[in-house]
Protein backbone atom coordinates (compact mmCIF):
# COMPACT_ATOMS: atom_id res chain seq x y z
CA MET A 1 64.78 47.20 -45.45
CA MET A 2 62.57 45.88 -42.57
CA GLU A 3 59.03 44.89 -43.67
CA VAL A 4 56.24 45.66 -41.08
CA SER A 5 53.49 43.26 -40.87
CA ILE A 6 50.10 44.60 -39.78
CA PRO A 7 48.23 41.99 -37.43
CA GLU A 8 45.06 40.69 -38.96
CA TRP A 9 42.97 41.46 -36.02
CA LEU A 10 43.58 45.24 -36.77
CA PHE A 11 41.89 44.72 -40.12
CA THR A 12 39.01 42.95 -38.30
CA VAL A 13 38.62 46.02 -35.93
CA TRP A 14 38.72 48.56 -38.74
CA ASP A 15 36.30 46.58 -40.95
CA TYR A 16 33.72 46.24 -38.17
CA ILE A 17 34.20 49.93 -36.96
CA TRP A 18 33.54 51.11 -40.52
CA TYR A 19 30.67 48.75 -40.90
CA GLY A 20 28.97 50.01 -37.73
CA MET A 21 29.35 53.72 -38.80
CA GLU A 22 28.10 52.72 -42.32
CA HIS A 23 25.03 51.12 -40.93
CA LEU A 24 24.27 54.15 -38.72
CA PHE A 25 24.77 56.65 -41.55
CA THR A 26 22.64 54.70 -43.94
CA GLY A 27 19.86 53.80 -41.25
CA TYR A 28 17.60 56.73 -41.80
CA ASP A 29 15.31 55.46 -39.06
CA HIS A 30 18.24 55.54 -36.53
CA LEU A 31 19.26 59.00 -37.72
CA LEU A 32 15.79 60.32 -37.25
CA PHE A 33 15.54 58.77 -33.91
CA LEU A 34 18.80 60.51 -32.88
CA LEU A 35 17.62 63.75 -34.21
CA GLY A 36 14.29 63.46 -32.47
CA LEU A 37 16.08 62.85 -29.24
CA VAL A 38 18.34 65.89 -29.41
CA ILE A 39 16.31 68.46 -31.29
CA ILE A 40 14.99 69.84 -28.09
CA ARG A 41 17.07 72.19 -26.17
CA LEU A 42 18.65 70.48 -23.23
CA LYS A 43 21.63 71.10 -20.89
CA TRP A 44 24.91 69.38 -21.96
CA ARG A 45 24.62 66.87 -19.01
CA GLU A 46 21.11 65.88 -20.22
CA TYR A 47 22.53 65.35 -23.79
CA LEU A 48 25.23 63.14 -22.34
CA ASN A 49 22.73 61.13 -20.14
CA ILE A 50 20.70 60.55 -23.21
CA ILE A 51 23.55 59.44 -25.52
CA THR A 52 25.05 57.46 -22.74
CA SER A 53 21.86 55.49 -21.85
CA PHE A 54 21.06 54.89 -25.51
CA THR A 55 24.51 53.30 -25.86
CA VAL A 56 24.21 51.19 -22.82
CA GLY A 57 20.78 49.92 -23.80
CA HIS A 58 21.77 49.10 -27.40
CA SER A 59 25.01 47.58 -26.47
CA ILE A 60 23.33 45.12 -23.96
CA THR A 61 20.82 43.74 -26.45
CA LEU A 62 23.30 43.85 -29.35
CA ALA A 63 25.64 41.70 -27.22
CA LEU A 64 22.68 39.33 -26.10
CA ALA A 65 21.51 39.02 -29.68
CA ALA A 66 24.92 38.57 -31.32
CA LEU A 67 25.76 35.88 -28.68
CA GLU A 68 22.43 34.17 -29.40
CA ILE A 69 21.41 34.42 -25.79
CA VAL A 70 18.14 36.36 -26.67
CA LYS A 71 16.65 36.34 -30.20
CA ILE A 72 13.61 38.49 -31.25
CA ASN A 73 12.24 38.29 -34.77
CA GLY A 74 12.91 41.39 -36.84
CA ALA A 75 9.25 41.38 -37.85
CA ILE A 76 8.61 42.42 -34.20
CA ILE A 77 11.60 44.70 -33.60
CA GLU A 78 11.50 46.79 -36.76
CA PRO A 79 7.92 48.07 -36.12
CA LEU A 80 8.90 48.75 -32.53
CA ILE A 81 11.88 50.81 -33.73
CA ALA A 82 9.55 52.81 -35.98
CA LEU A 83 7.13 53.30 -32.95
CA SER A 84 10.07 54.56 -30.86
CA ILE A 85 10.60 57.33 -33.46
CA VAL A 86 6.95 58.33 -33.20
CA PHE A 87 7.12 58.20 -29.50
CA VAL A 88 10.06 60.68 -29.40
CA ALA A 89 8.43 62.92 -31.93
CA VAL A 90 5.19 62.98 -30.01
CA GLU A 91 7.02 63.50 -26.64
CA ASN A 92 8.92 66.54 -28.17
CA MET A 93 5.50 68.18 -28.87
CA LEU A 94 3.67 67.35 -25.69
CA ARG A 95 6.13 67.42 -22.96
CA LYS A 96 7.58 70.61 -21.47
CA GLN A 97 10.12 68.73 -19.23
CA HIS A 98 12.36 66.07 -20.48
CA LYS A 99 14.20 65.10 -17.17
CA TRP A 100 13.47 61.43 -17.72
CA ARG A 101 14.28 61.20 -21.28
CA TRP A 102 17.42 59.38 -20.56
CA LEU A 103 15.60 56.52 -18.91
CA ILE A 104 13.06 56.26 -21.84
CA THR A 105 16.03 56.39 -24.35
CA ALA A 106 17.63 53.45 -22.37
CA PHE A 107 14.55 51.56 -23.07
CA PHE A 108 14.39 52.30 -26.68
CA GLY A 109 18.21 51.59 -26.85
CA LEU A 110 17.41 48.03 -25.82
CA ILE A 111 15.00 47.83 -28.88
CA HIS A 112 17.41 49.39 -31.13
CA GLY A 113 20.18 47.00 -30.16
CA PHE A 114 18.25 44.10 -31.55
CA GLY A 115 17.71 46.09 -34.69
CA PHE A 116 21.64 46.52 -34.93
CA ALA A 117 22.10 42.83 -34.17
CA GLY A 118 19.87 41.95 -37.14
CA VAL A 119 22.49 43.28 -39.63
CA LEU A 120 25.21 41.21 -38.13
CA GLU A 121 23.32 37.83 -38.34
CA GLY A 122 25.55 35.42 -40.19
CA ARG A 123 28.56 37.55 -40.26
CA PHE A 124 30.51 36.01 -37.23
CA SER A 125 32.56 32.88 -37.19
CA GLY A 126 34.55 31.88 -34.34
CA ASN A 127 35.39 34.59 -31.73
CA ILE A 128 32.94 37.41 -32.01
CA ALA A 129 34.06 39.58 -29.16
CA LEU A 130 36.43 41.83 -31.27
CA PRO A 131 33.97 42.23 -34.11
CA LEU A 132 31.10 42.90 -31.72
CA LEU A 133 33.08 45.40 -29.88
CA SER A 134 34.31 47.03 -32.99
CA PHE A 135 30.80 47.30 -34.66
CA ASN A 136 29.55 48.86 -31.46
CA ILE A 137 32.44 51.38 -31.57
CA GLY A 138 31.55 52.28 -35.00
CA ILE A 139 27.97 52.86 -34.11
CA GLU A 140 29.18 55.17 -31.35
CA LEU A 141 31.53 56.99 -33.51
CA GLY A 142 28.61 57.36 -35.98
CA GLN A 143 26.23 58.72 -33.30
CA LEU A 144 28.84 61.06 -31.94
CA THR A 145 29.63 62.49 -35.38
CA ILE A 146 25.92 63.16 -36.03
CA PHE A 147 25.50 64.61 -32.53
CA LEU A 148 28.46 67.01 -33.13
CA VAL A 149 26.96 68.04 -36.47
CA LEU A 150 23.55 68.63 -34.96
CA LEU A 151 24.72 70.47 -31.95
CA PRO A 152 25.34 74.08 -33.64
CA ILE A 153 22.09 73.55 -35.46
CA ILE A 154 20.21 72.72 -32.27
CA HIS A 155 21.98 75.63 -30.60
CA LYS A 156 20.97 78.07 -33.26
CA ILE A 157 17.26 76.80 -33.21
CA GLY A 158 17.30 77.34 -29.48
CA GLN A 159 18.29 81.05 -29.78
CA THR A 160 15.53 81.84 -32.22
CA ARG A 161 12.06 83.05 -31.23
CA TRP A 162 10.68 80.21 -33.56
CA ASN A 163 12.19 77.64 -31.30
CA VAL A 164 8.89 75.85 -30.36
CA GLN A 165 7.43 76.00 -33.91
CA THR A 166 10.76 74.59 -35.30
CA VAL A 167 10.87 71.78 -32.81
CA TYR A 168 7.02 71.11 -33.57
CA GLY A 169 7.66 71.13 -37.26
CA ILE A 170 10.79 69.00 -37.24
CA SER A 171 9.09 66.55 -34.82
CA SER A 172 6.02 66.41 -36.88
CA LEU A 173 8.15 65.30 -39.81
CA ILE A 174 10.00 62.75 -37.80
CA GLY A 175 6.74 61.33 -36.61
CA LEU A 176 5.29 61.12 -40.06
CA PHE A 177 8.20 59.15 -41.08
CA GLY A 178 7.87 56.91 -38.03
CA ILE A 179 4.37 56.18 -38.91
CA TYR A 180 5.13 55.41 -42.46
CA TRP A 181 7.92 53.01 -41.51
CA PHE A 182 5.72 51.36 -38.79
CA LEU A 183 2.97 50.67 -41.43
CA GLU A 184 5.42 49.67 -43.97
CA ARG A 185 7.13 47.15 -41.55
CA VAL A 186 3.84 45.82 -40.28
CA GLN A 187 2.82 44.85 -43.76
CA LEU A 188 6.03 43.01 -44.43
């Protein structure tokens, strides 16, 4: 019988994809940020633009931080992540049009990328391209999974006559969590 050997790099890819997904699924601040971004009723193309711009933003800073080209202290980044959650929640309640949300999301993606990079500190040795790419793929798969779970819920909310009140209520809760995390992170 012929023995099949699995290349070591495949284990690295799988480990970092899983680690990226796990980080997203256990990062409640990132989950609430994502919920805040998509809870409002938009067209498919607008959702795609928002998710893509966030991906591009956080991929850039994740790579810059992992390659140690740019380094920003977590004591600065973590409160900014919390404020991005508050901003999106308030925007959900105050704005009627969200055509520029993709641009704002790209900016916040830059901030969140530094947050993602913080969990990778000290994990790389040698070539970091494959682990970095794999971790980022894991983050994206996690985001896509969350979005696909939320989409039917968002669609249902959009069909109800309580749509505005529901979005206001959920956004208020998201904003309160963001404020709590901001205060908690500033005190550290």
